[in-house]
Amino acid sequence: MAEADEFLESIWQSMTDAATLPGHGLSLMNVATIGRNGGPRARSVILRDFARSPERLCFATHALSEKVAEIRANSAVAATCYDRKRSLQLRFEGTATIIADDAERWRAWQRLAPHSQQQYVSLATPGAPLTTHEPLEDDASTAFQRFAWISLELRSLEWLALSTAPHTRWQFELLSSGWNGQRVIP
Protein backbone atom coordinates (compact mmCIF):
# COMPACT_ATOMS: atom_id res chain seq x y z
CA MET A 1 0.00 0.00 0.00
CA ALA A 2 1.38 3.40 -0.99
CA GLU A 3 2.19 6.01 1.65
CA ALA A 4 -0.79 8.18 0.62
CA ASP A 5 -3.18 5.23 0.88
CA GLU A 6 -1.91 4.31 4.35
CA PHE A 7 -2.18 7.92 5.42
CA LEU A 8 -5.73 8.18 4.09
CA GLU A 9 -6.72 5.03 6.00
CA SER A 10 -5.43 6.63 9.20
CA ILE A 11 -7.59 9.70 8.48
CA TRP A 12 -10.67 7.51 7.97
CA GLN A 13 -9.94 5.75 11.27
CA SER A 14 -9.59 9.13 13.02
CA MET A 15 -12.98 10.21 11.68
CA THR A 16 -14.57 6.92 12.75
CA ASP A 17 -13.14 7.44 16.22
CA ALA A 18 -14.31 11.08 16.28
CA ALA A 19 -17.86 9.99 15.47
CA THR A 20 -17.97 7.20 18.06
CA LEU A 21 -15.75 8.15 21.01
CA PRO A 22 -17.15 10.83 23.33
CA GLY A 23 -14.88 13.84 23.72
CA HIS A 24 -12.66 12.97 20.75
CA GLY A 25 -10.69 16.01 19.59
CA LEU A 26 -12.10 15.94 16.05
CA SER A 27 -15.78 15.55 16.96
CA LEU A 28 -16.54 19.29 16.90
CA MET A 29 -16.75 20.51 13.30
CA ASN A 30 -17.16 23.95 11.84
CA VAL A 31 -19.49 23.66 8.86
CA ALA A 32 -19.65 26.39 6.23
CA THR A 33 -22.48 26.94 3.77
CA ILE A 34 -23.37 29.73 1.34
CA GLY A 35 -25.87 32.10 2.95
CA ARG A 36 -28.93 33.66 1.35
CA ASN A 37 -26.92 36.84 0.74
CA GLY A 38 -24.24 34.88 -1.14
CA GLY A 39 -21.67 35.11 1.65
CA PRO A 40 -20.19 32.31 3.74
CA ARG A 41 -21.98 31.12 6.90
CA ALA A 42 -20.06 28.99 9.40
CA ARG A 43 -21.23 27.29 12.59
CA SER A 44 -20.15 24.46 14.86
CA VAL A 45 -21.82 21.06 14.82
CA ILE A 46 -21.03 17.68 16.37
CA LEU A 47 -19.83 14.92 14.06
CA ARG A 48 -22.36 12.14 14.71
CA ASP A 49 -21.38 9.55 12.11
CA PHE A 50 -18.69 8.73 9.57
CA ALA A 51 -19.46 6.30 6.78
CA ARG A 52 -17.35 4.70 4.04
CA SER A 53 -18.08 4.00 0.37
CA PRO A 54 -18.80 6.80 -0.23
CA GLU A 55 -16.98 8.62 2.54
CA ARG A 56 -19.36 10.96 4.32
CA LEU A 57 -19.59 12.96 7.51
CA CYS A 58 -23.01 13.20 9.18
CA PHE A 59 -24.43 15.67 11.66
CA ALA A 60 -27.80 16.62 13.12
CA THR A 61 -29.55 19.97 13.03
CA HIS A 62 -32.99 21.50 13.37
CA ALA A 63 -35.06 21.05 10.20
CA LEU A 64 -36.10 24.73 10.28
CA SER A 65 -32.56 26.08 10.77
CA GLU A 66 -31.00 28.41 8.24
CA LYS A 67 -28.30 25.84 7.42
CA VAL A 68 -30.94 23.44 6.08
CA ALA A 69 -32.38 26.14 3.80
CA GLU A 70 -28.86 27.07 2.70
CA ILE A 71 -28.00 23.45 1.86
CA ARG A 72 -31.22 23.12 -0.13
CA ALA A 73 -30.22 26.22 -2.14
CA ASN A 74 -26.55 25.25 -2.58
CA SER A 75 -25.29 21.82 -1.52
CA ALA A 76 -21.58 22.77 -1.66
CA VAL A 77 -20.36 22.63 1.95
CA ALA A 78 -16.99 22.81 3.70
CA ALA A 79 -16.12 21.53 7.16
CA THR A 80 -13.11 21.88 9.43
CA CYS A 81 -12.13 19.93 12.55
CA TYR A 82 -9.27 20.77 14.88
CA ASP A 83 -7.81 18.46 17.52
CA ARG A 84 -6.10 20.73 20.04
CA LYS A 85 -4.25 17.92 21.82
CA ARG A 86 -2.69 16.65 18.60
CA SER A 87 -2.42 20.10 16.93
CA LEU A 88 -4.14 18.56 13.93
CA GLN A 89 -6.49 20.25 11.48
CA LEU A 90 -8.67 18.46 8.93
CA ARG A 91 -10.53 20.34 6.21
CA PHE A 92 -13.22 18.76 4.04
CA GLU A 93 -15.24 19.82 1.01
CA GLY A 94 -18.17 18.01 -0.47
CA THR A 95 -21.84 17.87 -1.30
CA ALA A 96 -24.37 17.95 1.51
CA THR A 97 -27.66 16.09 1.42
CA ILE A 98 -30.60 16.47 3.76
CA ILE A 99 -31.60 12.87 4.40
CA ALA A 100 -35.27 12.32 3.61
CA ASP A 101 -35.43 8.59 4.42
CA ASP A 102 -37.30 8.37 7.73
CA ALA A 103 -35.74 4.99 8.60
CA GLU A 104 -32.21 6.41 8.30
CA ARG A 105 -33.21 9.55 10.21
CA TRP A 106 -34.82 7.39 12.94
CA ARG A 107 -31.64 5.32 13.35
CA ALA A 108 -29.67 8.56 13.77
CA TRP A 109 -32.29 9.97 16.17
CA GLN A 110 -32.12 6.85 18.34
CA ARG A 111 -28.34 7.30 18.74
CA LEU A 112 -28.76 10.83 20.15
CA ALA A 113 -28.58 11.26 23.92
CA PRO A 114 -31.85 12.41 25.54
CA HIS A 115 -30.45 15.89 26.17
CA SER A 116 -29.63 16.17 22.45
CA GLN A 117 -33.12 15.04 21.44
CA GLN A 118 -34.47 17.72 23.78
CA GLN A 119 -33.10 20.38 21.40
CA TYR A 120 -35.93 19.54 18.97
CA VAL A 121 -38.85 19.76 21.42
CA SER A 122 -39.50 23.50 21.00
CA LEU A 123 -42.01 24.55 18.35
CA ALA A 124 -40.07 27.81 17.86
CA THR A 125 -37.99 28.37 14.74
CA PRO A 126 -34.24 28.67 15.40
CA GLY A 127 -33.03 32.21 14.80
CA ALA A 128 -36.51 33.76 15.05
CA PRO A 129 -36.75 36.91 17.19
CA LEU A 130 -37.57 36.25 20.82
CA THR A 131 -40.46 38.65 21.41
CA THR A 132 -41.70 37.49 24.79
CA HIS A 133 -40.34 36.32 28.11
CA GLU A 134 -43.00 33.62 28.30
CA PRO A 135 -41.78 30.01 28.04
CA LEU A 136 -41.63 28.72 24.49
CA GLU A 137 -44.23 26.19 23.43
CA ASP A 138 -42.95 22.59 23.39
CA ASP A 139 -44.21 19.34 21.91
CA ALA A 140 -42.03 16.32 22.66
CA SER A 141 -44.31 14.05 20.61
CA THR A 142 -43.35 15.86 17.39
CA ALA A 143 -39.66 16.53 18.14
CA PHE A 144 -38.51 13.97 15.54
CA GLN A 145 -40.30 15.97 12.83
CA ARG A 146 -37.95 18.89 13.53
CA PHE A 147 -34.83 16.69 13.40
CA ALA A 148 -32.72 16.92 10.24
CA TRP A 149 -29.92 14.49 9.42
CA ILE A 150 -27.27 15.93 7.10
CA SER A 151 -24.77 13.87 5.14
CA LEU A 152 -21.68 15.53 3.65
CA GLU A 153 -20.29 13.33 0.89
CA LEU A 154 -16.60 14.14 0.62
CA ARG A 155 -14.82 15.09 -2.59
CA SER A 156 -11.62 16.57 -1.12
CA LEU A 157 -9.79 16.83 2.18
CA GLU A 158 -6.67 18.29 3.67
CA TRP A 159 -4.69 17.09 6.71
CA LEU A 160 -2.37 19.56 8.46
CA ALA A 161 -0.22 18.61 11.45
CA LEU A 162 0.93 21.71 13.29
CA SER A 163 2.86 19.78 15.94
CA THR A 164 5.66 18.75 13.61
CA ALA A 165 8.62 20.90 12.62
CA PRO A 166 8.21 21.59 9.82
CA HIS A 167 4.42 21.24 9.66
CA THR A 168 3.14 18.29 7.62
CA ARG A 169 0.35 18.77 5.08
CA TRP A 170 -1.44 16.29 2.83
CA GLN A 171 -4.16 16.95 0.25
CA PHE A 172 -6.54 14.33 -1.11
CA GLU A 173 -9.06 14.55 -3.94
CA LEU A 174 -11.68 12.04 -4.99
CA LEU A 175 -11.23 11.11 -8.67
CA SER A 176 -13.25 8.66 -10.76
CA SER A 177 -10.58 6.04 -9.96
CA GLY A 178 -10.66 6.67 -6.20
CA TRP A 179 -8.86 8.92 -3.75
CA ASN A 180 -5.62 10.53 -4.90
CA GLY A 181 -3.31 12.14 -2.35
CA GLN A 182 -0.02 13.89 -2.12
CA ARG A 183 2.09 15.61 0.48
CA VAL A 184 2.30 19.35 -0.17
CA ILE A 185 4.21 22.30 1.22
CA PRO A 186 2.48 23.51 4.42
C-alpha atoms as a PDB file:
ATOM      1  CA  MET A   1       0.000   0.000   0.000  1.00  0.00           C
ATOM      2  CA  ALA A   2       1.380   3.395  -0.986  1.00  0.00           C
ATOM      3  CA  GLU A   3       2.191   6.005   1.653  1.00  0.00           C
ATOM      4  CA  ALA A   4      -0.789   8.184   0.617  1.00  0.00           C
ATOM      5  CA  ASP A   5      -3.180   5.228   0.879  1.00  0.00           C
ATOM      6  CA  GLU A   6      -1.912   4.313   4.352  1.00  0.00           C
ATOM      7  CA  PHE A   7      -2.175   7.915   5.418  1.00  0.00           C
ATOM      8  CA  LEU A   8      -5.729   8.181   4.088  1.00  0.00           C
ATOM      9  CA  GLU A   9      -6.721   5.032   6.000  1.00  0.00           C
ATOM     10  CA  SER A  10      -5.430   6.629   9.204  1.00  0.00           C
ATOM     11  CA  ILE A  11      -7.590   9.702   8.480  1.00  0.00           C
ATOM     12  CA  TRP A  12     -10.672   7.508   7.974  1.00  0.00           C
ATOM     13  CA  GLN A  13      -9.939   5.754  11.265  1.00  0.00           C
ATOM     14  CA  SER A  14      -9.591   9.126  13.020  1.00  0.00           C
ATOM     15  CA  MET A  15     -12.979  10.212  11.675  1.00  0.00           C
ATOM     16  CA  THR A  16     -14.570   6.918  12.749  1.00  0.00           C
ATOM     17  CA  ASP A  17     -13.135   7.444  16.223  1.00  0.00           C
ATOM     18  CA  ALA A  18     -14.306  11.082  16.283  1.00  0.00           C
ATOM     19  CA  ALA A  19     -17.865   9.991  15.473  1.00  0.00           C
ATOM     20  CA  THR A  20     -17.970   7.203  18.057  1.00  0.00           C
ATOM     21  CA  LEU A  21     -15.747   8.151  21.008  1.00  0.00           C
ATOM     22  CA  PRO A  22     -17.151  10.826  23.335  1.00  0.00           C
ATOM     23  CA  GLY A  23     -14.879  13.835  23.725  1.00  0.00           C
ATOM     24  CA  HIS A  24     -12.659  12.966  20.745  1.00  0.00           C
ATOM     25  CA  GLY A  25     -10.687  16.007  19.589  1.00  0.00           C
ATOM     26  CA  LEU A  26     -12.103  15.944  16.050  1.00  0.00           C
ATOM     27  CA  SER A  27     -15.784  15.552  16.958  1.00  0.00           C
ATOM     28  CA  LEU A  28     -16.540  19.290  16.895  1.00  0.00           C
ATOM     29  CA  MET A  29     -16.747  20.508  13.299  1.00  0.00           C
ATOM     30  CA  ASN A  30     -17.159  23.951  11.836  1.00  0.00           C
ATOM     31  CA  VAL A  31     -19.491  23.663   8.863  1.00  0.00           C
ATOM     32  CA  ALA A  32     -19.652  26.390   6.230  1.00  0.00           C
ATOM     33  CA  THR A  33     -22.485  26.943   3.772  1.00  0.00           C
ATOM     34  CA  ILE A  34     -23.373  29.726   1.345  1.00  0.00           C
ATOM     35  CA  GLY A  35     -25.873  32.099   2.952  1.00  0.00           C
ATOM     36  CA  ARG A  36     -28.925  33.657   1.353  1.00  0.00           C
ATOM     37  CA  ASN A  37     -26.922  36.839   0.740  1.00  0.00           C
ATOM     38  CA  GLY A  38     -24.238  34.878  -1.142  1.00  0.00           C
ATOM     39  CA  GLY A  39     -21.675  35.114   1.651  1.00  0.00           C
ATOM     40  CA  PRO A  40     -20.186  32.307   3.737  1.00  0.00           C
ATOM     41  CA  ARG A  41     -21.977  31.116   6.902  1.00  0.00           C
ATOM     42  CA  ALA A  42     -20.056  28.995   9.402  1.00  0.00           C
ATOM     43  CA  ARG A  43     -21.229  27.286  12.585  1.00  0.00           C
ATOM     44  CA  SER A  44     -20.152  24.465  14.860  1.00  0.00           C
ATOM     45  CA  VAL A  45     -21.822  21.058  14.821  1.00  0.00           C
ATOM     46  CA  ILE A  46     -21.026  17.684  16.367  1.00  0.00           C
ATOM     47  CA  LEU A  47     -19.828  14.915  14.060  1.00  0.00           C
ATOM     48  CA  ARG A  48     -22.357  12.141  14.715  1.00  0.00           C
ATOM     49  CA  ASP A  49     -21.377   9.551  12.108  1.00  0.00           C
ATOM     50  CA  PHE A  50     -18.694   8.731   9.567  1.00  0.00           C
ATOM     51  CA  ALA A  51     -19.460   6.295   6.776  1.00  0.00           C
ATOM     52  CA  ARG A  52     -17.350   4.703   4.043  1.00  0.00           C
ATOM     53  CA  SER A  53     -18.076   3.996   0.372  1.00  0.00           C
ATOM     54  CA  PRO A  54     -18.797   6.797  -0.230  1.00  0.00           C
ATOM     55  CA  GLU A  55     -16.976   8.620   2.538  1.00  0.00           C
ATOM     56  CA  ARG A  56     -19.356  10.960   4.323  1.00  0.00           C
ATOM     57  CA  LEU A  57     -19.595  12.961   7.515  1.00  0.00           C
ATOM     58  CA  CYS A  58     -23.009  13.203   9.180  1.00  0.00           C
ATOM     59  CA  PHE A  59     -24.431  15.674  11.657  1.00  0.00           C
ATOM     60  CA  ALA A  60     -27.797  16.620  13.120  1.00  0.00           C
ATOM     61  CA  THR A  61     -29.554  19.972  13.032  1.00  0.00           C
ATOM     62  CA  HIS A  62     -32.995  21.503  13.373  1.00  0.00           C
ATOM     63  CA  ALA A  63     -35.056  21.054  10.201  1.00  0.00           C
ATOM     64  CA  LEU A  64     -36.099  24.726  10.283  1.00  0.00           C
ATOM     65  CA  SER A  65     -32.557  26.080  10.768  1.00  0.00           C
ATOM     66  CA  GLU A  66     -30.998  28.411   8.238  1.00  0.00           C
ATOM     67  CA  LYS A  67     -28.305  25.845   7.423  1.00  0.00           C
ATOM     68  CA  VAL A  68     -30.945  23.442   6.085  1.00  0.00           C
ATOM     69  CA  ALA A  69     -32.376  26.141   3.804  1.00  0.00           C
ATOM     70  CA  GLU A  70     -28.861  27.074   2.696  1.00  0.00           C
ATOM     71  CA  ILE A  71     -27.996  23.451   1.856  1.00  0.00           C
ATOM     72  CA  ARG A  72     -31.219  23.121  -0.131  1.00  0.00           C
ATOM     73  CA  ALA A  73     -30.219  26.216  -2.143  1.00  0.00           C
ATOM     74  CA  ASN A  74     -26.545  25.246  -2.578  1.00  0.00           C
ATOM     75  CA  SER A  75     -25.288  21.821  -1.520  1.00  0.00           C
ATOM     76  CA  ALA A  76     -21.576  22.765  -1.663  1.00  0.00           C
ATOM     77  CA  VAL A  77     -20.358  22.632   1.949  1.00  0.00           C
ATOM     78  CA  ALA A  78     -16.988  22.814   3.698  1.00  0.00           C
ATOM     79  CA  ALA A  79     -16.124  21.529   7.161  1.00  0.00           C
ATOM     80  CA  THR A  80     -13.110  21.882   9.430  1.00  0.00           C
ATOM     81  CA  CYS A  81     -12.125  19.925  12.551  1.00  0.00           C
ATOM     82  CA  TYR A  82      -9.266  20.767  14.882  1.00  0.00           C
ATOM     83  CA  ASP A  83      -7.808  18.461  17.522  1.00  0.00           C
ATOM     84  CA  ARG A  84      -6.095  20.732  20.043  1.00  0.00           C
ATOM     85  CA  LYS A  85      -4.253  17.917  21.824  1.00  0.00           C
ATOM     86  CA  ARG A  86      -2.686  16.650  18.603  1.00  0.00           C
ATOM     87  CA  SER A  87      -2.418  20.102  16.929  1.00  0.00           C
ATOM     88  CA  LEU A  88      -4.139  18.557  13.927  1.00  0.00           C
ATOM     89  CA  GLN A  89      -6.485  20.249  11.478  1.00  0.00           C
ATOM     90  CA  LEU A  90      -8.668  18.455   8.932  1.00  0.00           C
ATOM     91  CA  ARG A  91     -10.529  20.343   6.215  1.00  0.00           C
ATOM     92  CA  PHE A  92     -13.217  18.762   4.041  1.00  0.00           C
ATOM     93  CA  GLU A  93     -15.240  19.816   1.013  1.00  0.00           C
ATOM     94  CA  GLY A  94     -18.166  18.010  -0.470  1.00  0.00           C
ATOM     95  CA  THR A  95     -21.837  17.874  -1.305  1.00  0.00           C
ATOM     96  CA  ALA A  96     -24.367  17.952   1.513  1.00  0.00           C
ATOM     97  CA  THR A  97     -27.655  16.088   1.417  1.00  0.00           C
ATOM     98  CA  ILE A  98     -30.603  16.469   3.756  1.00  0.00           C
ATOM     99  CA  ILE A  99     -31.599  12.865   4.402  1.00  0.00           C
ATOM    100  CA  ALA A 100     -35.274  12.322   3.605  1.00  0.00           C
ATOM    101  CA  ASP A 101     -35.426   8.593   4.418  1.00  0.00           C
ATOM    102  CA  ASP A 102     -37.300   8.368   7.726  1.00  0.00           C
ATOM    103  CA  ALA A 103     -35.744   4.993   8.601  1.00  0.00           C
ATOM    104  CA  GLU A 104     -32.215   6.407   8.298  1.00  0.00           C
ATOM    105  CA  ARG A 105     -33.214   9.546  10.208  1.00  0.00           C
ATOM    106  CA  TRP A 106     -34.824   7.393  12.940  1.00  0.00           C
ATOM    107  CA  ARG A 107     -31.638   5.320  13.355  1.00  0.00           C
ATOM    108  CA  ALA A 108     -29.668   8.564  13.771  1.00  0.00           C
ATOM    109  CA  TRP A 109     -32.286   9.972  16.170  1.00  0.00           C
ATOM    110  CA  GLN A 110     -32.124   6.851  18.341  1.00  0.00           C
ATOM    111  CA  ARG A 111     -28.344   7.298  18.743  1.00  0.00           C
ATOM    112  CA  LEU A 112     -28.761  10.829  20.155  1.00  0.00           C
ATOM    113  CA  ALA A 113     -28.581  11.262  23.916  1.00  0.00           C
ATOM    114  CA  PRO A 114     -31.851  12.405  25.541  1.00  0.00           C
ATOM    115  CA  HIS A 115     -30.450  15.888  26.170  1.00  0.00           C
ATOM    116  CA  SER A 116     -29.626  16.170  22.451  1.00  0.00           C
ATOM    117  CA  GLN A 117     -33.125  15.042  21.444  1.00  0.00           C
ATOM    118  CA  GLN A 118     -34.470  17.720  23.782  1.00  0.00           C
ATOM    119  CA  GLN A 119     -33.098  20.381  21.402  1.00  0.00           C
ATOM    120  CA  TYR A 120     -35.926  19.540  18.965  1.00  0.00           C
ATOM    121  CA  VAL A 121     -38.851  19.762  21.422  1.00  0.00           C
ATOM    122  CA  SER A 122     -39.503  23.499  20.998  1.00  0.00           C
ATOM    123  CA  LEU A 123     -42.008  24.551  18.352  1.00  0.00           C
ATOM    124  CA  ALA A 124     -40.069  27.813  17.857  1.00  0.00           C
ATOM    125  CA  THR A 125     -37.991  28.366  14.736  1.00  0.00           C
ATOM    126  CA  PRO A 126     -34.242  28.667  15.403  1.00  0.00           C
ATOM    127  CA  GLY A 127     -33.031  32.207  14.796  1.00  0.00           C
ATOM    128  CA  ALA A 128     -36.511  33.756  15.049  1.00  0.00           C
ATOM    129  CA  PRO A 129     -36.746  36.908  17.188  1.00  0.00           C
ATOM    130  CA  LEU A 130     -37.570  36.250  20.817  1.00  0.00           C
ATOM    131  CA  THR A 131     -40.457  38.649  21.415  1.00  0.00           C
ATOM    132  CA  THR A 132     -41.698  37.493  24.794  1.00  0.00           C
ATOM    133  CA  HIS A 133     -40.337  36.323  28.108  1.00  0.00           C
ATOM    134  CA  GLU A 134     -43.002  33.620  28.304  1.00  0.00           C
ATOM    135  CA  PRO A 135     -41.780  30.013  28.042  1.00  0.00           C
ATOM    136  CA  LEU A 136     -41.631  28.716  24.486  1.00  0.00           C
ATOM    137  CA  GLU A 137     -44.233  26.186  23.434  1.00  0.00           C
ATOM    138  CA  ASP A 138     -42.953  22.594  23.387  1.00  0.00           C
ATOM    139  CA  ASP A 139     -44.210  19.342  21.911  1.00  0.00           C
ATOM    140  CA  ALA A 140     -42.034  16.318  22.656  1.00  0.00           C
ATOM    141  CA  SER A 141     -44.311  14.052  20.607  1.00  0.00           C
ATOM    142  CA  THR A 142     -43.353  15.859  17.393  1.00  0.00           C
ATOM    143  CA  ALA A 143     -39.660  16.532  18.141  1.00  0.00           C
ATOM    144  CA  PHE A 144     -38.514  13.969  15.544  1.00  0.00           C
ATOM    145  CA  GLN A 145     -40.305  15.974  12.832  1.00  0.00           C
ATOM    146  CA  ARG A 146     -37.949  18.893  13.529  1.00  0.00           C
ATOM    147  CA  PHE A 147     -34.826  16.685  13.401  1.00  0.00           C
ATOM    148  CA  ALA A 148     -32.723  16.921  10.239  1.00  0.00           C
ATOM    149  CA  TRP A 149     -29.919  14.488   9.425  1.00  0.00           C
ATOM    150  CA  ILE A 150     -27.273  15.929   7.099  1.00  0.00           C
ATOM    151  CA  SER A 151     -24.767  13.867   5.135  1.00  0.00           C
ATOM    152  CA  LEU A 152     -21.676  15.528   3.653  1.00  0.00           C
ATOM    153  CA  GLU A 153     -20.286  13.328   0.887  1.00  0.00           C
ATOM    154  CA  LEU A 154     -16.600  14.136   0.624  1.00  0.00           C
ATOM    155  CA  ARG A 155     -14.818  15.087  -2.586  1.00  0.00           C
ATOM    156  CA  SER A 156     -11.619  16.569  -1.116  1.00  0.00           C
ATOM    157  CA  LEU A 157      -9.791  16.833   2.179  1.00  0.00           C
ATOM    158  CA  GLU A 158      -6.671  18.287   3.670  1.00  0.00           C
ATOM    159  CA  TRP A 159      -4.692  17.090   6.707  1.00  0.00           C
ATOM    160  CA  LEU A 160      -2.370  19.557   8.461  1.00  0.00           C
ATOM    161  CA  ALA A 161      -0.218  18.610  11.449  1.00  0.00           C
ATOM    162  CA  LEU A 162       0.929  21.712  13.285  1.00  0.00           C
ATOM    163  CA  SER A 163       2.857  19.775  15.940  1.00  0.00           C
ATOM    164  CA  THR A 164       5.664  18.747  13.614  1.00  0.00           C
ATOM    165  CA  ALA A 165       8.621  20.901  12.615  1.00  0.00           C
ATOM    166  CA  PRO A 166       8.207  21.595   9.820  1.00  0.00           C
ATOM    167  CA  HIS A 167       4.416  21.241   9.663  1.00  0.00           C
ATOM    168  CA  THR A 168       3.136  18.293   7.617  1.00  0.00           C
ATOM    169  CA  ARG A 169       0.350  18.766   5.080  1.00  0.00           C
ATOM    170  CA  TRP A 170      -1.445  16.290   2.835  1.00  0.00           C
ATOM    171  CA  GLN A 171      -4.156  16.946   0.255  1.00  0.00           C
ATOM    172  CA  PHE A 172      -6.545  14.330  -1.115  1.00  0.00           C
ATOM    173  CA  GLU A 173      -9.058  14.547  -3.939  1.00  0.00           C
ATOM    174  CA  LEU A 174     -11.684  12.038  -4.993  1.00  0.00           C
ATOM    175  CA  LEU A 175     -11.232  11.111  -8.668  1.00  0.00           C
ATOM    176  CA  SER A 176     -13.246   8.665 -10.758  1.00  0.00           C
ATOM    177  CA  SER A 177     -10.577   6.041  -9.963  1.00  0.00           C
ATOM    178  CA  GLY A 178     -10.665   6.675  -6.203  1.00  0.00           C
ATOM    179  CA  TRP A 179      -8.861   8.922  -3.746  1.00  0.00           C
ATOM    180  CA  ASN A 180      -5.616  10.532  -4.902  1.00  0.00           C
ATOM    181  CA  GLY A 181      -3.312  12.140  -2.350  1.00  0.00           C
ATOM    182  CA  GLN A 182      -0.023  13.893  -2.117  1.00  0.00           C
ATOM    183  CA  ARG A 183       2.087  15.612   0.482  1.00  0.00           C
ATOM    184  CA  VAL A 184       2.295  19.346  -0.165  1.00  0.00           C
ATOM    185  CA  ILE A 185       4.211  22.296   1.223  1.00  0.00           C
ATOM    186  CA  PRO A 186       2.481  23.514   4.425  1.00  0.00           C
END
